[in-house]
């Protein structure tokens, strides 16, 4: 039996959190999803529990307290997360921002789609679920 995937979403918008959760559970309801409401809270959760090792960490760019571009390099410093795949998740499609996040160590950049079906398709691709 395969180990259930663990995803961690750092996202300040509660509606976006809910849509993301609906999309994930529409793909596979065994995926475990945890949330943080900003980069500071996300880092605290990841640093406080070394046994919490998400397979995928999704980080919004525009958040209060600590934005995704500030949060990303701090997460990359956490040795216990070296095998976690980091996906930036934002409404922006600005090439400079995408390039910057790649240079900082993001594995993927997912532009928030306007349709649930597109979000599901993109998440299937990222999670490699057929």
N, C-alpha and C. Protein backbone atom coordinates (compact mmCIF):
# COMPACT_ATOMS: atom_id res chain seq x y z
N UNK A 1 0.84 -1.19 0.00
CA UNK A 1 0.00 0.00 0.00
C UNK A 1 0.88 1.25 0.00
N UNK A 2 0.56 2.20 -0.85
CA UNK A 2 1.34 3.43 -0.94
C UNK A 2 1.07 4.33 0.26
N UNK A 3 2.10 5.02 0.68
CA UNK A 3 1.97 6.01 1.75
C UNK A 3 1.15 7.19 1.24
N UNK A 4 0.22 7.65 2.06
CA UNK A 4 -0.59 8.80 1.67
C UNK A 4 0.30 10.02 1.52
N UNK A 5 0.04 10.80 0.51
CA UNK A 5 0.82 12.02 0.29
C UNK A 5 0.41 13.08 1.29
N UNK A 6 1.40 13.90 1.67
CA UNK A 6 1.17 15.00 2.59
C UNK A 6 1.48 16.30 1.86
N UNK A 7 0.51 17.21 1.86
CA UNK A 7 0.70 18.53 1.26
C UNK A 7 0.52 19.59 2.34
N UNK A 8 1.27 20.67 2.18
CA UNK A 8 1.21 21.80 3.11
C UNK A 8 1.03 23.05 2.27
N UNK A 9 -0.04 23.78 2.52
CA UNK A 9 -0.35 25.00 1.77
C UNK A 9 -0.17 26.20 2.67
N UNK A 10 0.72 27.11 2.25
CA UNK A 10 0.92 28.37 2.96
C UNK A 10 0.21 29.43 2.12
N UNK A 11 -0.94 29.86 2.61
CA UNK A 11 -1.86 30.70 1.82
C UNK A 11 -2.72 31.53 2.77
N UNK A 12 -2.76 32.84 2.56
CA UNK A 12 -3.51 33.71 3.46
C UNK A 12 -4.99 33.82 3.12
N UNK A 13 -5.39 33.47 1.91
CA UNK A 13 -6.78 33.61 1.47
C UNK A 13 -7.56 32.34 1.79
N UNK A 14 -8.54 32.46 2.69
CA UNK A 14 -9.30 31.29 3.12
C UNK A 14 -10.09 30.66 1.98
N UNK A 15 -10.60 31.48 1.05
CA UNK A 15 -11.32 30.93 -0.10
C UNK A 15 -10.38 30.11 -0.98
N UNK A 16 -9.15 30.60 -1.17
CA UNK A 16 -8.17 29.85 -1.96
C UNK A 16 -7.77 28.55 -1.25
N UNK A 17 -7.70 28.59 0.07
CA UNK A 17 -7.42 27.37 0.83
C UNK A 17 -8.52 26.33 0.58
N UNK A 18 -9.75 26.79 0.65
CA UNK A 18 -10.90 25.88 0.47
C UNK A 18 -10.92 25.29 -0.94
N UNK A 19 -10.70 26.13 -1.95
CA UNK A 19 -10.68 25.64 -3.34
C UNK A 19 -9.56 24.63 -3.55
N UNK A 20 -8.40 24.92 -2.99
CA UNK A 20 -7.26 24.03 -3.10
C UNK A 20 -7.58 22.67 -2.47
N UNK A 21 -8.19 22.71 -1.29
CA UNK A 21 -8.55 21.48 -0.60
C UNK A 21 -9.58 20.68 -1.40
N UNK A 22 -10.57 21.36 -1.96
CA UNK A 22 -11.57 20.68 -2.78
C UNK A 22 -10.92 20.02 -4.00
N UNK A 23 -10.01 20.73 -4.63
CA UNK A 23 -9.32 20.19 -5.80
C UNK A 23 -8.50 18.96 -5.43
N UNK A 24 -7.73 19.06 -4.35
CA UNK A 24 -6.90 17.93 -3.93
C UNK A 24 -7.75 16.71 -3.60
N UNK A 25 -8.81 16.92 -2.85
CA UNK A 25 -9.64 15.78 -2.46
C UNK A 25 -10.47 15.27 -3.63
N UNK A 26 -10.67 16.10 -4.65
CA UNK A 26 -11.29 15.62 -5.88
C UNK A 26 -10.36 14.71 -6.66
N UNK A 27 -9.08 14.86 -6.44
CA UNK A 27 -8.08 14.01 -7.10
C UNK A 27 -7.90 12.71 -6.33
N UNK A 28 -7.70 12.85 -5.01
CA UNK A 28 -7.43 11.68 -4.17
C UNK A 28 -7.72 12.08 -2.72
N UNK A 29 -8.78 11.52 -2.17
CA UNK A 29 -9.16 11.95 -0.82
C UNK A 29 -8.26 11.40 0.29
N UNK A 30 -7.25 10.61 -0.08
CA UNK A 30 -6.29 10.15 0.93
C UNK A 30 -5.15 11.14 1.13
N UNK A 31 -5.08 12.17 0.29
CA UNK A 31 -4.03 13.19 0.45
C UNK A 31 -4.32 13.99 1.71
N UNK A 32 -3.32 14.11 2.57
CA UNK A 32 -3.46 14.89 3.80
C UNK A 32 -3.00 16.31 3.52
N UNK A 33 -3.82 17.29 3.87
CA UNK A 33 -3.50 18.69 3.62
C UNK A 33 -3.53 19.47 4.93
N UNK A 34 -2.45 20.22 5.17
CA UNK A 34 -2.37 21.14 6.31
C UNK A 34 -2.20 22.55 5.76
N UNK A 35 -2.55 23.53 6.58
CA UNK A 35 -2.50 24.92 6.17
C UNK A 35 -1.69 25.78 7.13
N UNK A 36 -1.18 26.87 6.57
CA UNK A 36 -0.66 27.99 7.36
C UNK A 36 -1.19 29.24 6.66
N UNK A 37 -1.46 30.29 7.44
CA UNK A 37 -2.09 31.48 6.89
C UNK A 37 -1.12 32.56 6.41
N UNK A 38 0.16 32.36 6.65
CA UNK A 38 1.18 33.28 6.13
C UNK A 38 2.54 32.61 6.27
N UNK A 39 3.57 33.25 5.74
CA UNK A 39 4.91 32.67 5.76
C UNK A 39 5.46 32.47 7.16
N UNK A 40 5.19 33.38 8.07
CA UNK A 40 5.68 33.26 9.44
C UNK A 40 5.07 32.02 10.10
N UNK A 41 3.76 31.88 9.98
CA UNK A 41 3.09 30.72 10.57
C UNK A 41 3.57 29.43 9.90
N UNK A 42 3.75 29.47 8.59
CA UNK A 42 4.23 28.30 7.87
C UNK A 42 5.60 27.85 8.35
N UNK A 43 6.52 28.80 8.47
CA UNK A 43 7.86 28.47 8.97
C UNK A 43 7.80 27.93 10.39
N UNK A 44 6.99 28.54 11.23
CA UNK A 44 6.88 28.09 12.62
C UNK A 44 6.41 26.64 12.67
N UNK A 45 5.41 26.30 11.87
CA UNK A 45 4.90 24.93 11.86
C UNK A 45 5.96 23.95 11.35
N UNK A 46 6.70 24.35 10.33
CA UNK A 46 7.71 23.46 9.76
C UNK A 46 8.93 23.31 10.67
N UNK A 47 9.27 24.35 11.43
CA UNK A 47 10.42 24.30 12.34
C UNK A 47 10.07 23.62 13.66
N UNK A 48 8.82 23.74 14.09
CA UNK A 48 8.42 23.23 15.40
C UNK A 48 8.32 21.71 15.44
N UNK A 49 8.08 21.09 14.31
CA UNK A 49 7.86 19.65 14.28
C UNK A 49 8.71 19.03 13.17
N UNK A 50 9.89 18.56 13.54
CA UNK A 50 10.81 17.98 12.56
C UNK A 50 10.28 16.70 11.92
N UNK A 51 9.28 16.08 12.54
CA UNK A 51 8.71 14.87 11.96
C UNK A 51 7.61 15.20 10.94
N UNK A 52 7.22 16.48 10.86
CA UNK A 52 6.25 16.90 9.84
C UNK A 52 7.04 17.20 8.57
N UNK A 53 6.98 16.27 7.63
CA UNK A 53 7.73 16.39 6.39
C UNK A 53 6.75 16.24 5.21
N UNK A 54 6.20 17.36 4.75
CA UNK A 54 5.28 17.28 3.62
C UNK A 54 6.00 16.82 2.36
N UNK A 55 5.29 16.07 1.54
CA UNK A 55 5.82 15.70 0.23
C UNK A 55 5.85 16.91 -0.69
N UNK A 56 4.84 17.78 -0.52
CA UNK A 56 4.70 18.98 -1.34
C UNK A 56 4.37 20.16 -0.45
N UNK A 57 5.09 21.27 -0.67
CA UNK A 57 4.81 22.52 0.04
C UNK A 57 4.43 23.54 -1.02
N UNK A 58 3.21 24.06 -0.92
CA UNK A 58 2.72 25.07 -1.84
C UNK A 58 2.75 26.41 -1.12
N UNK A 59 3.35 27.43 -1.75
CA UNK A 59 3.54 28.72 -1.09
C UNK A 59 2.97 29.83 -1.98
N UNK A 60 2.02 30.57 -1.43
CA UNK A 60 1.50 31.76 -2.11
C UNK A 60 2.58 32.84 -2.11
N UNK A 61 2.55 33.71 -3.10
CA UNK A 61 3.53 34.80 -3.17
C UNK A 61 3.10 35.97 -2.29
N UNK A 62 1.89 36.45 -2.49
CA UNK A 62 1.43 37.67 -1.82
C UNK A 62 0.71 37.34 -0.52
N UNK A 63 1.43 37.53 0.59
CA UNK A 63 0.87 37.28 1.92
C UNK A 63 1.37 38.34 2.88
N UNK A 64 0.61 38.59 3.95
CA UNK A 64 1.08 39.52 4.97
C UNK A 64 2.19 38.89 5.81
N UNK A 65 2.85 39.69 6.59
CA UNK A 65 3.92 39.31 7.52
C UNK A 65 5.18 38.83 6.81
N UNK A 66 5.07 37.77 6.03
CA UNK A 66 6.21 37.25 5.27
C UNK A 66 5.65 36.68 3.97
N UNK A 67 6.06 37.27 2.84
CA UNK A 67 5.54 36.79 1.57
C UNK A 67 6.26 35.52 1.13
N UNK A 68 5.78 34.93 0.06
CA UNK A 68 6.32 33.67 -0.41
C UNK A 68 7.78 33.75 -0.84
N UNK A 69 8.19 34.87 -1.41
CA UNK A 69 9.57 35.02 -1.86
C UNK A 69 10.52 35.12 -0.66
N UNK A 70 10.04 35.67 0.45
CA UNK A 70 10.83 35.72 1.68
C UNK A 70 10.81 34.36 2.38
N UNK A 71 9.70 33.67 2.31
CA UNK A 71 9.52 32.39 3.00
C UNK A 71 10.31 31.26 2.34
N UNK A 72 10.35 31.24 1.03
CA UNK A 72 10.97 30.15 0.27
C UNK A 72 12.41 29.85 0.71
N UNK A 73 13.32 30.84 0.73
CA UNK A 73 14.70 30.50 1.12
C UNK A 73 14.82 30.03 2.56
N UNK A 74 13.93 30.48 3.42
CA UNK A 74 13.95 30.03 4.82
C UNK A 74 13.55 28.56 4.90
N UNK A 75 12.58 28.15 4.11
CA UNK A 75 12.18 26.74 4.07
C UNK A 75 13.30 25.89 3.49
N UNK A 76 13.97 26.41 2.47
CA UNK A 76 15.06 25.67 1.84
C UNK A 76 16.21 25.39 2.81
N UNK A 77 16.33 26.19 3.87
CA UNK A 77 17.38 26.00 4.87
C UNK A 77 17.09 24.83 5.82
N UNK A 78 15.84 24.36 5.83
CA UNK A 78 15.44 23.32 6.77
C UNK A 78 15.82 21.94 6.22
N UNK A 79 16.83 21.36 6.82
CA UNK A 79 17.42 20.11 6.33
C UNK A 79 16.39 18.98 6.24
N UNK A 80 15.49 18.91 7.19
CA UNK A 80 14.52 17.80 7.19
C UNK A 80 13.53 17.88 6.02
N UNK A 81 13.52 19.01 5.32
CA UNK A 81 12.61 19.19 4.18
C UNK A 81 13.33 19.11 2.84
N UNK A 82 14.56 18.62 2.83
CA UNK A 82 15.36 18.62 1.59
C UNK A 82 14.71 17.83 0.46
N UNK A 83 13.85 16.85 0.79
CA UNK A 83 13.20 16.07 -0.25
C UNK A 83 11.77 16.52 -0.56
N UNK A 84 11.32 17.54 0.14
CA UNK A 84 9.98 18.08 -0.13
C UNK A 84 10.02 18.89 -1.42
N UNK A 85 9.01 18.71 -2.24
CA UNK A 85 8.90 19.47 -3.48
C UNK A 85 8.20 20.79 -3.15
N UNK A 86 8.80 21.92 -3.56
CA UNK A 86 8.24 23.23 -3.25
C UNK A 86 7.65 23.85 -4.51
N UNK A 87 6.38 24.23 -4.40
CA UNK A 87 5.63 24.78 -5.52
C UNK A 87 5.12 26.17 -5.12
N UNK A 88 5.52 27.17 -5.86
CA UNK A 88 4.97 28.51 -5.65
C UNK A 88 3.59 28.53 -6.28
N UNK A 89 2.64 29.16 -5.60
CA UNK A 89 1.23 29.11 -6.01
C UNK A 89 0.69 30.53 -5.92
N UNK A 90 0.50 31.17 -7.08
CA UNK A 90 0.18 32.59 -7.06
C UNK A 90 -0.69 33.02 -8.24
N UNK A 91 -1.31 34.17 -8.10
CA UNK A 91 -2.07 34.73 -9.20
C UNK A 91 -1.16 35.38 -10.24
N UNK A 92 0.08 35.66 -9.88
CA UNK A 92 0.98 36.33 -10.80
C UNK A 92 1.56 35.36 -11.82
N UNK A 93 1.77 35.87 -13.02
CA UNK A 93 2.47 35.09 -14.03
C UNK A 93 3.68 35.89 -14.52
N UNK A 94 4.13 36.82 -13.67
CA UNK A 94 5.27 37.66 -13.99
C UNK A 94 6.54 36.80 -14.12
N UNK A 95 7.15 36.85 -15.29
CA UNK A 95 8.31 36.01 -15.59
C UNK A 95 9.49 36.29 -14.65
N UNK A 96 9.67 37.53 -14.25
CA UNK A 96 10.76 37.88 -13.34
C UNK A 96 10.55 37.21 -11.98
N UNK A 97 9.33 37.23 -11.49
CA UNK A 97 9.02 36.59 -10.21
C UNK A 97 9.18 35.08 -10.32
N UNK A 98 8.71 34.50 -11.42
CA UNK A 98 8.85 33.06 -11.62
C UNK A 98 10.33 32.68 -11.65
N UNK A 99 11.13 33.45 -12.38
CA UNK A 99 12.57 33.18 -12.47
C UNK A 99 13.23 33.32 -11.09
N UNK A 100 12.86 34.34 -10.35
CA UNK A 100 13.41 34.56 -9.01
C UNK A 100 13.11 33.37 -8.10
N UNK A 101 11.87 32.89 -8.13
CA UNK A 101 11.52 31.77 -7.25
C UNK A 101 12.26 30.50 -7.65
N UNK A 102 12.49 30.31 -8.93
CA UNK A 102 13.27 29.15 -9.39
C UNK A 102 14.71 29.26 -8.88
N UNK A 103 15.27 30.47 -8.95
CA UNK A 103 16.65 30.67 -8.47
C UNK A 103 16.75 30.45 -6.96
N UNK A 104 15.66 30.72 -6.25
CA UNK A 104 15.64 30.52 -4.80
C UNK A 104 15.37 29.07 -4.42
N UNK A 105 15.08 28.22 -5.40
CA UNK A 105 14.93 26.80 -5.13
C UNK A 105 13.56 26.19 -5.31
N UNK A 106 12.59 26.96 -5.81
CA UNK A 106 11.27 26.38 -6.07
C UNK A 106 11.36 25.33 -7.18
N UNK A 107 10.65 24.25 -6.99
CA UNK A 107 10.64 23.18 -8.00
C UNK A 107 9.64 23.47 -9.12
N UNK A 108 8.56 24.15 -8.77
CA UNK A 108 7.49 24.45 -9.73
C UNK A 108 6.91 25.82 -9.42
N UNK A 109 6.20 26.34 -10.40
CA UNK A 109 5.44 27.57 -10.20
C UNK A 109 4.07 27.34 -10.80
N UNK A 110 3.04 27.41 -9.99
CA UNK A 110 1.68 27.18 -10.43
C UNK A 110 0.89 28.48 -10.34
N UNK A 111 0.45 28.96 -11.50
CA UNK A 111 -0.39 30.16 -11.53
C UNK A 111 -1.81 29.71 -11.16
N UNK A 112 -2.41 30.40 -10.20
CA UNK A 112 -3.76 30.04 -9.77
C UNK A 112 -4.71 30.15 -10.97
N UNK A 113 -5.30 29.03 -11.36
CA UNK A 113 -6.19 29.06 -12.52
C UNK A 113 -7.57 29.61 -12.17
N UNK A 114 -8.28 30.01 -13.20
CA UNK A 114 -9.59 30.59 -13.01
C UNK A 114 -10.70 29.53 -12.99
N UNK A 115 -10.36 28.28 -13.29
CA UNK A 115 -11.34 27.20 -13.29
C UNK A 115 -10.85 26.04 -12.43
N UNK A 116 -11.76 25.46 -11.69
CA UNK A 116 -11.43 24.32 -10.83
C UNK A 116 -10.84 23.17 -11.64
N UNK A 117 -11.36 22.92 -12.82
CA UNK A 117 -10.86 21.81 -13.64
C UNK A 117 -9.39 22.02 -14.01
N UNK A 118 -8.99 23.25 -14.24
CA UNK A 118 -7.58 23.54 -14.54
C UNK A 118 -6.70 23.32 -13.30
N UNK A 119 -7.21 23.71 -12.15
CA UNK A 119 -6.46 23.49 -10.91
C UNK A 119 -6.27 21.99 -10.68
N UNK A 120 -7.31 21.22 -10.87
CA UNK A 120 -7.22 19.77 -10.71
C UNK A 120 -6.20 19.19 -11.69
N UNK A 121 -6.27 19.59 -12.94
CA UNK A 121 -5.32 19.09 -13.95
C UNK A 121 -3.88 19.44 -13.58
N UNK A 122 -3.67 20.67 -13.15
CA UNK A 122 -2.32 21.10 -12.77
C UNK A 122 -1.81 20.35 -11.53
N UNK A 123 -2.68 20.17 -10.56
CA UNK A 123 -2.28 19.43 -9.36
C UNK A 123 -1.99 17.97 -9.68
N UNK A 124 -2.78 17.36 -10.56
CA UNK A 124 -2.50 15.98 -10.98
C UNK A 124 -1.11 15.89 -11.60
N UNK A 125 -0.78 16.87 -12.44
CA UNK A 125 0.54 16.87 -13.08
C UNK A 125 1.64 17.01 -12.03
N UNK A 126 1.49 17.95 -11.12
CA UNK A 126 2.50 18.19 -10.10
C UNK A 126 2.64 16.98 -9.17
N UNK A 127 1.52 16.42 -8.77
CA UNK A 127 1.54 15.27 -7.86
C UNK A 127 1.79 13.96 -8.61
N UNK A 128 1.82 14.04 -9.92
CA UNK A 128 2.04 12.88 -10.80
C UNK A 128 1.01 11.79 -10.57
N UNK A 129 -0.25 12.23 -10.53
CA UNK A 129 -1.37 11.30 -10.39
C UNK A 129 -2.07 11.22 -11.73
N UNK A 130 -2.27 10.05 -12.21
CA UNK A 130 -2.94 9.86 -13.51
C UNK A 130 -4.43 9.74 -13.32
